[in-house]
Amino acid sequence: MQKEAFPAISTDVIFPLSHSLNYKIGANDHIANVKGDPKVSSMKEIVAHETVLLLEQQNCLFVYDLDNKFEKGLIVVAKLFEKAKLREATSLGKHFCLKKLRDALESLKRCVTRRNKDDVEEVIAMLEALEIELT
């Protein structure tokens, strides 16, 4: 029993077929699937299926990109929060030191004589100006 073969393109090339063709040539030399073969999908079904797959991949990439941007945003927020905490701690430290200095100057003011008392009051006034400048 001899197998069907395509017409020879060249004398040394032959394509043997073990099954019948699943398509036929239609108008304007377009390839058309033979209907009735459930294994063969039409070109429209294939394109629709591939389109759905591509849209799913695009959505996955979109979610992945959003996740990356969110992670980067969290890192930036964490860094900004740390900087704000340091600034706040520094500011509180400055106010704490100024209060301690003021308390020390007030107690010194009670212990000194008149001439030195004026100097201490002047320093306290400069300290108050510094406190206002820092706030």
Protein backbone atom coordinates (compact mmCIF):
# COMPACT_ATOMS: atom_id res chain seq x y z
CA MET A 1 0.00 0.00 0.00
CA GLN A 2 1.45 3.29 -1.09
CA LYS A 3 1.02 6.52 0.95
CA GLU A 4 -0.39 9.70 -0.55
CA ALA A 5 2.19 12.32 -1.32
CA PHE A 6 2.30 15.98 -2.24
CA PRO A 7 3.21 16.66 -5.79
CA ALA A 8 6.96 16.80 -5.97
CA ILE A 9 8.41 20.28 -5.64
CA SER A 10 11.70 18.95 -6.68
CA THR A 11 12.64 15.55 -7.97
CA ASP A 12 14.35 14.64 -4.70
CA VAL A 13 11.73 16.01 -2.22
CA ILE A 14 8.55 14.08 -1.41
CA PHE A 15 6.23 14.69 1.59
CA PRO A 16 4.44 11.49 2.49
CA LEU A 17 1.11 11.85 4.31
CA SER A 18 -0.02 9.43 6.97
CA HIS A 19 -3.38 11.18 7.33
CA SER A 20 -5.73 13.14 5.16
CA LEU A 21 -5.51 16.91 4.91
CA ASN A 22 -7.49 18.93 7.49
CA TYR A 23 -7.86 21.96 5.30
CA LYS A 24 -8.71 22.95 1.81
CA ILE A 25 -7.84 25.90 -0.36
CA GLY A 26 -10.75 28.33 -0.63
CA ALA A 27 -11.40 31.44 -2.69
CA ASN A 28 -8.44 33.75 -3.33
CA ASP A 29 -6.07 30.96 -2.27
CA HIS A 30 -7.05 31.27 1.44
CA ILE A 31 -6.66 28.17 3.55
CA ALA A 32 -9.96 27.10 5.09
CA ASN A 33 -10.38 24.41 7.75
CA VAL A 34 -12.56 21.46 6.96
CA LYS A 35 -15.61 21.64 9.21
CA GLY A 36 -16.62 18.54 11.02
CA ASP A 37 -13.18 17.76 12.45
CA PRO A 38 -13.51 18.60 16.17
CA LYS A 39 -9.74 18.54 16.68
CA VAL A 40 -9.17 21.46 14.32
CA SER A 41 -9.94 24.95 15.64
CA SER A 42 -10.82 27.77 13.35
CA MET A 43 -8.40 30.66 13.01
CA LYS A 44 -10.87 32.95 14.80
CA GLU A 45 -10.95 30.61 17.81
CA ILE A 46 -7.17 30.42 17.91
CA VAL A 47 -6.83 34.21 17.70
CA ALA A 48 -9.49 34.68 20.40
CA HIS A 49 -7.78 32.18 22.67
CA GLU A 50 -4.36 33.79 22.15
CA THR A 51 -5.88 37.23 22.79
CA VAL A 52 -7.31 36.04 26.10
CA LEU A 53 -3.93 34.60 27.08
CA LEU A 54 -2.14 37.83 26.18
CA LEU A 55 -4.64 39.91 28.16
CA GLU A 56 -4.15 37.66 31.19
CA GLN A 57 -0.38 38.05 30.88
CA GLN A 58 -0.76 41.82 30.54
CA ASN A 59 -2.91 41.92 33.70
CA CYS A 60 -0.33 39.85 35.57
CA LEU A 61 2.44 42.21 34.46
CA PHE A 62 0.30 45.21 35.45
CA VAL A 63 -0.23 43.75 38.94
CA TYR A 64 3.49 42.94 39.17
CA ASP A 65 4.39 46.54 38.22
CA LEU A 66 1.94 47.91 40.79
CA ASP A 67 3.43 45.62 43.42
CA ASN A 68 6.95 46.85 42.61
CA LYS A 69 5.86 50.49 42.77
CA PHE A 70 4.08 49.86 46.07
CA GLU A 71 7.18 48.20 47.55
CA LYS A 72 9.38 51.10 46.41
CA GLY A 73 6.86 53.55 47.89
CA LEU A 74 6.93 51.70 51.21
CA ILE A 75 10.72 51.91 51.29
CA VAL A 76 10.62 55.66 50.60
CA VAL A 77 7.96 56.19 53.28
CA ALA A 78 10.02 54.21 55.80
CA LYS A 79 13.09 56.35 55.06
CA LEU A 80 11.08 59.58 55.36
CA PHE A 81 9.57 58.37 58.62
CA GLU A 82 13.03 57.63 60.04
CA LYS A 83 14.25 61.10 59.02
CA ALA A 84 11.19 62.72 60.63
CA LYS A 85 11.78 60.73 63.82
CA LEU A 86 15.40 61.87 63.92
CA ARG A 87 14.38 65.50 63.36
CA GLU A 88 11.76 65.26 66.08
CA ALA A 89 14.20 63.63 68.50
CA THR A 90 16.80 66.30 67.72
CA SER A 91 14.23 69.04 68.22
CA LEU A 92 13.07 67.56 71.52
CA GLY A 93 16.70 67.19 72.56
CA LYS A 94 17.35 70.87 71.80
CA HIS A 95 14.29 71.99 73.77
CA PHE A 96 15.24 69.70 76.66
CA CYS A 97 18.80 71.10 76.77
CA LEU A 98 17.52 74.68 76.57
CA LYS A 99 15.10 74.05 79.45
CA LYS A 100 17.87 72.52 81.58
CA LEU A 101 20.13 75.47 80.79
CA ARG A 102 17.40 77.92 81.67
CA ASP A 103 16.75 76.14 84.98
CA ALA A 104 20.48 76.24 85.77
CA LEU A 105 20.65 79.95 84.94
CA GLU A 106 17.58 80.67 87.11
CA SER A 107 19.18 78.90 90.08
CA LEU A 108 22.47 80.76 89.39
CA LYS A 109 20.58 84.05 89.29
CA ARG A 110 19.39 83.51 92.84
CA CYS A 111 22.93 82.92 94.07
CA VAL A 112 24.85 85.82 92.45
CA THR A 113 25.23 89.48 93.39
CA ARG A 114 23.56 92.42 91.69
CA ARG A 115 26.18 93.04 89.00
CA ASN A 116 26.38 89.37 87.95
CA LYS A 117 22.60 89.07 88.20
CA ASP A 118 22.23 91.51 85.28
CA ASP A 119 24.59 89.36 83.20
CA VAL A 120 22.60 86.21 84.02
CA GLU A 121 19.32 87.96 83.11
CA GLU A 122 20.85 89.01 79.79
CA VAL A 123 21.89 85.43 79.07
CA ILE A 124 18.36 84.21 79.97
CA ALA A 125 16.90 86.78 77.54
CA MET A 126 19.22 85.50 74.78
CA LEU A 127 18.18 81.94 75.66
CA GLU A 128 14.48 82.87 75.33
CA ALA A 129 15.19 84.42 71.91
CA LEU A 130 16.94 81.20 70.88
CA GLU A 131 13.95 79.12 72.02
CA ILE A 132 11.59 81.27 69.96
CA GLU A 133 13.90 80.94 66.94
CA LEU A 134 13.93 77.14 67.24
CA THR A 135 10.12 76.82 67.33
